[in-house]
Each structure stands twice: as C-alpha cells, then as structure tokens.
C-alpha atoms as a PDB file:
ATOM      1  CA  UNK A   1      -6.625  -6.579 -16.561  1.00  0.00           C
ATOM      2  CA  UNK A   2      -3.954  -9.044 -15.413  1.00  0.00           C
ATOM      3  CA  UNK A   3      -2.216  -8.117 -12.069  1.00  0.00           C
ATOM      4  CA  UNK A   4       1.271  -9.372 -11.307  1.00  0.00           C
ATOM      5  CA  UNK A   5       1.799  -9.902  -7.637  1.00  0.00           C
ATOM      6  CA  UNK A   6       5.502  -9.698  -7.238  1.00  0.00           C
ATOM      7  CA  UNK A   7       7.001 -12.306  -4.771  1.00  0.00           C
ATOM      8  CA  UNK A   8      10.388 -11.780  -3.210  1.00  0.00           C
ATOM      9  CA  UNK A   9      12.208 -13.972  -0.766  1.00  0.00           C
ATOM     10  CA  UNK A  10      10.358 -13.385   2.471  1.00  0.00           C
ATOM     11  CA  UNK A  11       7.050 -12.138   0.960  1.00  0.00           C
ATOM     12  CA  UNK A  12       4.146 -13.705   2.880  1.00  0.00           C
ATOM     13  CA  UNK A  13       1.044 -11.884   1.619  1.00  0.00           C
ATOM     14  CA  UNK A  14       1.284 -12.665  -2.020  1.00  0.00           C
ATOM     15  CA  UNK A  15      -1.204 -15.576  -1.900  1.00  0.00           C
ATOM     16  CA  UNK A  16      -3.565 -13.397   0.121  1.00  0.00           C
ATOM     17  CA  UNK A  17      -3.424 -10.650  -2.577  1.00  0.00           C
ATOM     18  CA  UNK A  18      -4.068 -13.106  -5.314  1.00  0.00           C
ATOM     19  CA  UNK A  19      -7.061 -14.606  -3.508  1.00  0.00           C
ATOM     20  CA  UNK A  20      -8.503 -11.212  -2.681  1.00  0.00           C
ATOM     21  CA  UNK A  21      -8.133  -9.874  -6.243  1.00  0.00           C
ATOM     22  CA  UNK A  22      -9.513 -13.107  -7.744  1.00  0.00           C
ATOM     23  CA  UNK A  23     -12.555 -12.781  -5.467  1.00  0.00           C
ATOM     24  CA  UNK A  24     -13.263  -9.473  -7.136  1.00  0.00           C
ATOM     25  CA  UNK A  25     -13.053 -10.985 -10.567  1.00  0.00           C
ATOM     26  CA  UNK A  26      -9.593  -9.531 -11.244  1.00  0.00           C
ATOM     27  CA  UNK A  27      -7.064 -11.889 -12.888  1.00  0.00           C
ATOM     28  CA  UNK A  28      -4.040 -12.056 -10.655  1.00  0.00           C
ATOM     29  CA  UNK A  29      -1.006 -14.286 -10.560  1.00  0.00           C
ATOM     30  CA  UNK A  30       2.173 -14.514  -8.448  1.00  0.00           C
ATOM     31  CA  UNK A  31       5.466 -13.604 -10.264  1.00  0.00           C
ATOM     32  CA  UNK A  32       8.825 -14.472  -8.837  1.00  0.00           C
ATOM     33  CA  UNK A  33      10.957 -11.373  -8.868  1.00  0.00           C
ATOM     34  CA  UNK A  34      13.862 -13.010 -10.727  1.00  0.00           C
ATOM     35  CA  UNK A  35      11.541 -13.861 -13.599  1.00  0.00           C
ATOM     36  CA  UNK A  36      10.615 -10.285 -14.407  1.00  0.00           C
ATOM     37  CA  UNK A  37       7.209  -8.879 -15.251  1.00  0.00           C
ATOM     38  CA  UNK A  38       5.090 -10.980 -17.628  1.00  0.00           C
ATOM     39  CA  UNK A  39       4.369  -9.347 -20.938  1.00  0.00           C
ATOM     40  CA  UNK A  40       0.662  -9.343 -20.247  1.00  0.00           C
ATOM     41  CA  UNK A  41       0.922  -7.715 -16.878  1.00  0.00           C
ATOM     42  CA  UNK A  42      -1.227  -4.520 -16.846  1.00  0.00           C
ATOM     43  CA  UNK A  43      -1.213  -3.977 -13.110  1.00  0.00           C
ATOM     44  CA  UNK A  44       1.285  -4.700 -10.200  1.00  0.00           C
ATOM     45  CA  UNK A  45       0.983  -5.432  -6.510  1.00  0.00           C
ATOM     46  CA  UNK A  46       4.012  -5.309  -4.242  1.00  0.00           C
ATOM     47  CA  UNK A  47       2.718  -7.422  -1.371  1.00  0.00           C
ATOM     48  CA  UNK A  48       3.428  -7.490   2.353  1.00  0.00           C
ATOM     49  CA  UNK A  49       5.854  -9.691   4.271  1.00  0.00           C
ATOM     50  CA  UNK A  50       9.447  -9.507   5.216  1.00  0.00           C
ATOM     51  CA  UNK A  51      11.470  -9.323   2.027  1.00  0.00           C
ATOM     52  CA  UNK A  52      15.010 -10.476   2.717  1.00  0.00           C
ATOM     53  CA  UNK A  53      14.178 -10.537   6.416  1.00  0.00           C
ATOM     54  CA  UNK A  54      14.087  -6.761   6.537  1.00  0.00           C
ATOM     55  CA  UNK A  55      17.914  -6.687   6.569  1.00  0.00           C
ATOM     56  CA  UNK A  56      19.448  -3.292   6.393  1.00  0.00           C
ATOM     57  CA  UNK A  57      15.977  -1.726   6.650  1.00  0.00           C
ATOM     58  CA  UNK A  58      12.590  -2.775   5.529  1.00  0.00           C
ATOM     59  CA  UNK A  59      12.181  -2.956   1.694  1.00  0.00           C
ATOM     60  CA  UNK A  60      15.766  -1.852   0.999  1.00  0.00           C
ATOM     61  CA  UNK A  61      17.037  -4.954  -0.610  1.00  0.00           C
ATOM     62  CA  UNK A  62      13.895  -5.796  -2.592  1.00  0.00           C
ATOM     63  CA  UNK A  63      13.888  -2.265  -3.936  1.00  0.00           C
ATOM     64  CA  UNK A  64      17.166  -3.042  -5.656  1.00  0.00           C
ATOM     65  CA  UNK A  65      15.941  -6.132  -7.394  1.00  0.00           C
ATOM     66  CA  UNK A  66      16.127  -5.857 -11.239  1.00  0.00           C
ATOM     67  CA  UNK A  67      12.328  -6.238 -11.472  1.00  0.00           C
ATOM     68  CA  UNK A  68      11.856  -2.868  -9.759  1.00  0.00           C
ATOM     69  CA  UNK A  69      13.343  -1.130 -12.793  1.00  0.00           C
ATOM     70  CA  UNK A  70      10.528  -2.809 -14.763  1.00  0.00           C
ATOM     71  CA  UNK A  71       7.939  -1.760 -12.139  1.00  0.00           C
ATOM     72  CA  UNK A  72       9.088   1.890 -12.304  1.00  0.00           C
ATOM     73  CA  UNK A  73       8.912   1.857 -16.065  1.00  0.00           C
ATOM     74  CA  UNK A  74       5.435   0.378 -16.037  1.00  0.00           C
ATOM     75  CA  UNK A  75       4.349   2.946 -13.456  1.00  0.00           C
ATOM     76  CA  UNK A  76       5.691   5.761 -15.644  1.00  0.00           C
ATOM     77  CA  UNK A  77       3.680   4.380 -18.477  1.00  0.00           C
ATOM     78  CA  UNK A  78       0.454   4.570 -16.456  1.00  0.00           C
ATOM     79  CA  UNK A  79       0.181   0.946 -15.134  1.00  0.00           C
ATOM     80  CA  UNK A  80      -1.605   0.817 -11.755  1.00  0.00           C
ATOM     81  CA  UNK A  81       0.862  -0.160  -8.997  1.00  0.00           C
ATOM     82  CA  UNK A  82      -0.128  -0.768  -5.419  1.00  0.00           C
ATOM     83  CA  UNK A  83       2.362  -1.376  -2.556  1.00  0.00           C
ATOM     84  CA  UNK A  84       1.001  -2.767   0.724  1.00  0.00           C
ATOM     85  CA  UNK A  85       2.901  -2.903   3.987  1.00  0.00           C
ATOM     86  CA  UNK A  86       6.328  -4.253   3.077  1.00  0.00           C
ATOM     87  CA  UNK A  87       5.366  -3.380  -0.528  1.00  0.00           C
ATOM     88  CA  UNK A  88       4.888   0.180   0.639  1.00  0.00           C
ATOM     89  CA  UNK A  89       8.367   0.095   2.119  1.00  0.00           C
ATOM     90  CA  UNK A  90       9.678  -1.175  -1.139  1.00  0.00           C
ATOM     91  CA  UNK A  91       7.758   1.420  -3.070  1.00  0.00           C
ATOM     92  CA  UNK A  92       9.293   4.208  -1.055  1.00  0.00           C
ATOM     93  CA  UNK A  93      12.792   2.688  -1.176  1.00  0.00           C
ATOM     94  CA  UNK A  94      12.607   2.376  -4.949  1.00  0.00           C
ATOM     95  CA  UNK A  95      11.437   5.950  -5.540  1.00  0.00           C
ATOM     96  CA  UNK A  96       7.806   5.164  -6.551  1.00  0.00           C
ATOM     97  CA  UNK A  97       6.631   7.568  -3.809  1.00  0.00           C
ATOM     98  CA  UNK A  98       8.081  10.111  -1.452  1.00  0.00           C
ATOM     99  CA  UNK A  99       8.846   9.478   2.143  1.00  0.00           C
ATOM    100  CA  UNK A 100      10.008   6.368   4.091  1.00  0.00           C
ATOM    101  CA  UNK A 101       8.532   3.889   6.566  1.00  0.00           C
ATOM    102  CA  UNK A 102      10.637   3.565   9.812  1.00  0.00           C
ATOM    103  CA  UNK A 103      10.377   1.838  13.214  1.00  0.00           C
ATOM    104  CA  UNK A 104       7.099   2.291  14.983  1.00  0.00           C
ATOM    105  CA  UNK A 105       7.054   4.806  17.753  1.00  0.00           C
ATOM    106  CA  UNK A 106       6.325   1.912  20.124  1.00  0.00           C
ATOM    107  CA  UNK A 107       9.429   0.025  18.844  1.00  0.00           C
ATOM    108  CA  UNK A 108       7.179  -3.033  18.717  1.00  0.00           C
ATOM    109  CA  UNK A 109       5.467  -5.098  16.024  1.00  0.00           C
ATOM    110  CA  UNK A 110       1.785  -4.067  16.068  1.00  0.00           C
ATOM    111  CA  UNK A 111      -1.011  -6.268  14.718  1.00  0.00           C
ATOM    112  CA  UNK A 112      -4.531  -4.736  15.052  1.00  0.00           C
ATOM    113  CA  UNK A 113      -7.269  -3.001  13.308  1.00  0.00           C
ATOM    114  CA  UNK A 114      -6.939   0.609  12.382  1.00  0.00           C
ATOM    115  CA  UNK A 115      -9.514   3.245  11.332  1.00  0.00           C
ATOM    116  CA  UNK A 116      -8.624   5.447   8.442  1.00  0.00           C
ATOM    117  CA  UNK A 117     -10.085   8.549   6.883  1.00  0.00           C
ATOM    118  CA  UNK A 118     -10.243   8.854   3.131  1.00  0.00           C
ATOM    119  CA  UNK A 119      -8.369  12.103   2.273  1.00  0.00           C
ATOM    120  CA  UNK A 120      -8.658  11.978  -1.556  1.00  0.00           C
ATOM    121  CA  UNK A 121     -11.619  10.182  -3.095  1.00  0.00           C
ATOM    122  CA  UNK A 122     -10.709  11.060  -6.667  1.00  0.00           C
ATOM    123  CA  UNK A 123      -8.195   8.332  -7.326  1.00  0.00           C
ATOM    124  CA  UNK A 124      -8.537   4.827  -8.723  1.00  0.00           C
ATOM    125  CA  UNK A 125      -7.900   3.421  -5.238  1.00  0.00           C
ATOM    126  CA  UNK A 126     -10.489   5.528  -3.381  1.00  0.00           C
ATOM    127  CA  UNK A 127     -13.413   6.156  -5.824  1.00  0.00           C
ATOM    128  CA  UNK A 128     -15.454   3.576  -4.117  1.00  0.00           C
ATOM    129  CA  UNK A 129     -15.500   5.853  -1.010  1.00  0.00           C
ATOM    130  CA  UNK A 130     -16.553   9.389  -0.158  1.00  0.00           C
ATOM    131  CA  UNK A 131     -13.937  11.888   0.943  1.00  0.00           C
ATOM    132  CA  UNK A 132     -13.905  11.978   4.731  1.00  0.00           C
ATOM    133  CA  UNK A 133     -15.296   8.469   4.923  1.00  0.00           C
ATOM    134  CA  UNK A 134     -13.919   6.227   7.707  1.00  0.00           C
ATOM    135  CA  UNK A 135     -12.910   2.683   6.910  1.00  0.00           C
ATOM    136  CA  UNK A 136     -11.313  -0.055   8.926  1.00  0.00           C
ATOM    137  CA  UNK A 137      -8.319  -2.247   7.767  1.00  0.00           C
ATOM    138  CA  UNK A 138      -5.873  -4.435   9.559  1.00  0.00           C
ATOM    139  CA  UNK A 139      -2.268  -3.422  10.207  1.00  0.00           C
ATOM    140  CA  UNK A 140       0.648  -5.721  10.929  1.00  0.00           C
ATOM    141  CA  UNK A 141       4.088  -4.025  10.985  1.00  0.00           C
ATOM    142  CA  UNK A 142       7.045  -3.130  12.982  1.00  0.00           C
ATOM    143  CA  UNK A 143       8.247  -0.388  10.678  1.00  0.00           C
ATOM    144  CA  UNK A 144       5.115   1.429   9.669  1.00  0.00           C
ATOM    145  CA  UNK A 145       5.807   4.967  10.853  1.00  0.00           C
ATOM    146  CA  UNK A 146       5.669   7.272   7.769  1.00  0.00           C
ATOM    147  CA  UNK A 147       8.454   9.846   7.856  1.00  0.00           C
ATOM    148  CA  UNK A 148       9.110  12.698   5.390  1.00  0.00           C
ATOM    149  CA  UNK A 149      10.897  15.948   5.344  1.00  0.00           C
ATOM    150  CA  UNK A 150       8.697  18.953   6.108  1.00  0.00           C
ATOM    151  CA  UNK A 151       8.895  20.546   2.673  1.00  0.00           C
ATOM    152  CA  UNK A 152       8.052  17.286   0.937  1.00  0.00           C
ATOM    153  CA  UNK A 153       5.119  16.720   3.334  1.00  0.00           C
ATOM    154  CA  UNK A 154       3.807  20.124   2.406  1.00  0.00           C
ATOM    155  CA  UNK A 155       4.139  19.246  -1.224  1.00  0.00           C
ATOM    156  CA  UNK A 156       2.147  15.985  -0.712  1.00  0.00           C
ATOM    157  CA  UNK A 157      -0.646  18.014   0.942  1.00  0.00           C
ATOM    158  CA  UNK A 158      -0.612  20.694  -1.639  1.00  0.00           C
ATOM    159  CA  UNK A 159      -0.828  18.124  -4.503  1.00  0.00           C
ATOM    160  CA  UNK A 160      -3.528  16.133  -2.721  1.00  0.00           C
ATOM    161  CA  UNK A 161      -1.391  13.077  -2.638  1.00  0.00           C
ATOM    162  CA  UNK A 162      -2.319  11.862   0.809  1.00  0.00           C
ATOM    163  CA  UNK A 163      -4.736   8.983   0.425  1.00  0.00           C
ATOM    164  CA  UNK A 164      -5.510   7.943   4.001  1.00  0.00           C
ATOM    165  CA  UNK A 165      -4.840   9.232   7.560  1.00  0.00           C
ATOM    166  CA  UNK A 166      -5.246   7.214  10.752  1.00  0.00           C
ATOM    167  CA  UNK A 167      -8.207   8.573  12.633  1.00  0.00           C
ATOM    168  CA  UNK A 168     -10.684   7.680  15.355  1.00  0.00           C
ATOM    169  CA  UNK A 169     -14.116   6.016  14.751  1.00  0.00           C
ATOM    170  CA  UNK A 170     -15.555   9.553  14.280  1.00  0.00           C
ATOM    171  CA  UNK A 171     -13.023  10.525  11.628  1.00  0.00           C
ATOM    172  CA  UNK A 172     -10.983  12.769  13.879  1.00  0.00           C
ATOM    173  CA  UNK A 173      -7.275  12.720  13.163  1.00  0.00           C
ATOM    174  CA  UNK A 174      -5.744  12.592  16.625  1.00  0.00           C
ATOM    175  CA  UNK A 175      -2.516  11.553  18.173  1.00  0.00           C
ATOM    176  CA  UNK A 176      -4.266   8.786  20.057  1.00  0.00           C
ATOM    177  CA  UNK A 177      -5.555   7.347  16.826  1.00  0.00           C
ATOM    178  CA  UNK A 178      -2.105   7.297  15.332  1.00  0.00           C
ATOM    179  CA  UNK A 179      -0.856   3.607  15.872  1.00  0.00           C
ATOM    180  CA  UNK A 180       2.764   4.037  14.826  1.00  0.00           C
ATOM    181  CA  UNK A 181       3.686   7.777  15.039  1.00  0.00           C
ATOM    182  CA  UNK A 182       3.439   8.506  11.411  1.00  0.00           C
ATOM    183  CA  UNK A 183       3.968  12.119  10.300  1.00  0.00           C
ATOM    184  CA  UNK A 184       0.526  13.753   9.963  1.00  0.00           C
ATOM    185  CA  UNK A 185      -1.156  10.413  10.732  1.00  0.00           C
ATOM    186  CA  UNK A 186      -0.418   9.403   7.141  1.00  0.00           C
ATOM    187  CA  UNK A 187      -1.379   5.791   6.357  1.00  0.00           C
ATOM    188  CA  UNK A 188      -1.139   5.882   2.546  1.00  0.00           C
ATOM    189  CA  UNK A 189       0.224   8.166  -0.234  1.00  0.00           C
ATOM    190  CA  UNK A 190       0.249   8.538  -3.990  1.00  0.00           C
ATOM    191  CA  UNK A 191       3.171   8.696  -6.262  1.00  0.00           C
ATOM    192  CA  UNK A 192       3.631  11.288  -9.039  1.00  0.00           C
ATOM    193  CA  UNK A 193       0.574   9.730 -10.823  1.00  0.00           C
ATOM    194  CA  UNK A 194      -2.550   8.694  -9.006  1.00  0.00           C
ATOM    195  CA  UNK A 195      -2.201   5.188 -10.508  1.00  0.00           C
ATOM    196  CA  UNK A 196       0.610   4.619  -8.022  1.00  0.00           C
ATOM    197  CA  UNK A 197      -0.147   4.186  -4.379  1.00  0.00           C
ATOM    198  CA  UNK A 198       1.452   2.801  -1.320  1.00  0.00           C
ATOM    199  CA  UNK A 199      -0.242   2.196   2.110  1.00  0.00           C
ATOM    200  CA  UNK A 200       0.736   0.385   5.331  1.00  0.00           C
ATOM    201  CA  UNK A 201      -2.667  -1.155   6.194  1.00  0.00           C
ATOM    202  CA  UNK A 202      -3.739  -4.411   4.521  1.00  0.00           C
ATOM    203  CA  UNK A 203      -6.796  -4.123   2.129  1.00  0.00           C
ATOM    204  CA  UNK A 204      -6.380  -7.715   1.008  1.00  0.00           C
ATOM    205  CA  UNK A 205      -7.156  -8.876   4.532  1.00  0.00           C
ATOM    206  CA  UNK A 206     -10.464  -7.090   4.638  1.00  0.00           C
ATOM    207  CA  UNK A 207     -12.125  -8.340   1.330  1.00  0.00           C
ATOM    208  CA  UNK A 208     -13.454 -11.736   2.137  1.00  0.00           C
ATOM    209  CA  UNK A 209     -16.678 -11.691   4.347  1.00  0.00           C
ATOM    210  CA  UNK A 210     -15.948 -15.210   5.764  1.00  0.00           C
ATOM    211  CA  UNK A 211     -12.866 -13.975   7.475  1.00  0.00           C
ATOM    212  CA  UNK A 212     -14.901 -11.544   9.699  1.00  0.00           C
ATOM    213  CA  UNK A 213     -12.396  -8.682   9.123  1.00  0.00           C
ATOM    214  CA  UNK A 214     -14.878  -6.596   7.207  1.00  0.00           C
ATOM    215  CA  UNK A 215     -14.814  -5.804   3.518  1.00  0.00           C
ATOM    216  CA  UNK A 216     -13.557  -2.269   3.495  1.00  0.00           C
ATOM    217  CA  UNK A 217     -10.550  -3.292   1.457  1.00  0.00           C
ATOM    218  CA  UNK A 218     -12.521  -4.179  -1.566  1.00  0.00           C
ATOM    219  CA  UNK A 219     -12.824  -0.579  -2.775  1.00  0.00           C
ATOM    220  CA  UNK A 220      -9.012  -0.117  -2.806  1.00  0.00           C
ATOM    221  CA  UNK A 221      -8.304  -3.405  -4.709  1.00  0.00           C
ATOM    222  CA  UNK A 222     -11.121  -2.467  -7.145  1.00  0.00           C
ATOM    223  CA  UNK A 223      -8.884   0.354  -8.168  1.00  0.00           C
ATOM    224  CA  UNK A 224      -7.250  -2.021 -10.612  1.00  0.00           C
ATOM    225  CA  UNK A 225     -10.482  -2.085 -12.629  1.00  0.00           C
ATOM    226  CA  UNK A 226     -10.916   1.748 -12.402  1.00  0.00           C
ATOM    227  CA  UNK A 227      -7.354   2.284 -13.640  1.00  0.00           C
ATOM    228  CA  UNK A 228      -7.618  -0.192 -16.472  1.00  0.00           C
END
C-alpha cells in the first residue's frame, strides 16, 4: 500500500498525514497536485489546510484541479480515499460524497478537541472501533458545518453512510455537543463505496503518543491497510 497525500497550494497538513501514516507502517508520500497521481498509488489522502486560501468557498478551487478527475476514477475503481478537514470540503465539492461543509454556526474558527460516536463500525475506517464507541479527535476549522438536503440526509442514514457524529463524553448526541451546527451532528460520511470517506476532525493529529493528543486517530488511518 502506497498512499499519495495530495498537496495543493495552501495545504498545511500534508506532512502531518505522511508522518502519521508512516508511524503506522504505511508507505506515504506527498504528491503535488499538478504532477498527477503516481502510477503506484493505491490509496489517497486529501489533507487539511486552506487550499487556495479558501477563496470562493472552502475546497471549491482545489476540487477543480485536474488531479481530482484521477482521484474520482481511482475511487470508482475501489482505491481507499480519505478527505480530512479541507480535504473533506474538497471531497464534497468534487462529488466524492454528498453534502457540503459551510461556515460554523459560531461564524468563528474553532480549534479544540471533539468527542465523536462511531455510527458504522463496518467500514475500513472504523473497524478498529465498536459501534457506539466514543473517541476524541482535534478539530480546527472555520467551515466545518455539514449541510445536506433533508432527502439526501435520509438516504445517508438509510444506507448507513454516516461514519461519526459529534457527541458528549457519554456518547449522547446533543445540541450542546455539536461544535459547529452540523446537520444531525454529522462529523464524517461515506461516499457511494465504503472505501471513500470524508471527515472534519483530524485523525492524523491524534496518532503520535508524544504529542499528548491521544491516539484515537490511529484506527481511522489504519483503514488504508484494511482496504488494501
């Protein structure tokens, strides 16, 4: 498994993603978007940051980079694709998943730890956890509020494509536990295939014990091995 971490102008979590994956024994390398996907890439990360300065809206310009056509083709062929934070915004903008991420309810940038409940443990990204398990991951975003039309939200629920919901420490999904106003407290969703996922929290920032941010993100990134 060789994971391509796609770097756009303004990406700032690409090195973090490579380090976190490498720490798990997964070969990962940064790929400049203009260079296209390497022939040996069998997995893809769309990392966090502020691609193109979030002009127009977060992820909109990066989603139109030619490499994203290659990413969509790889995803359709079953390659595991994970979009994190700005990468989640790019994933939604490019049609990898339903919905969109918009301005936080607070209208402020929020950087804090969030607790999440695992909604579907039968995916490559969540098999390290139990359904209903509560994990903690950092968030750092100004446009993290997940929005989706009611009929499409119902479809996500019916097809079990909601990966994580924001919750309190006891696993209760409450308005108070929703840091950004996301519809249904949604923090992460699947695409049409369970090998494609986007989430707003940062698993790569919760993988290295020395950083004292916990290691709950390891299970998500280990999904590249499960999907291989």
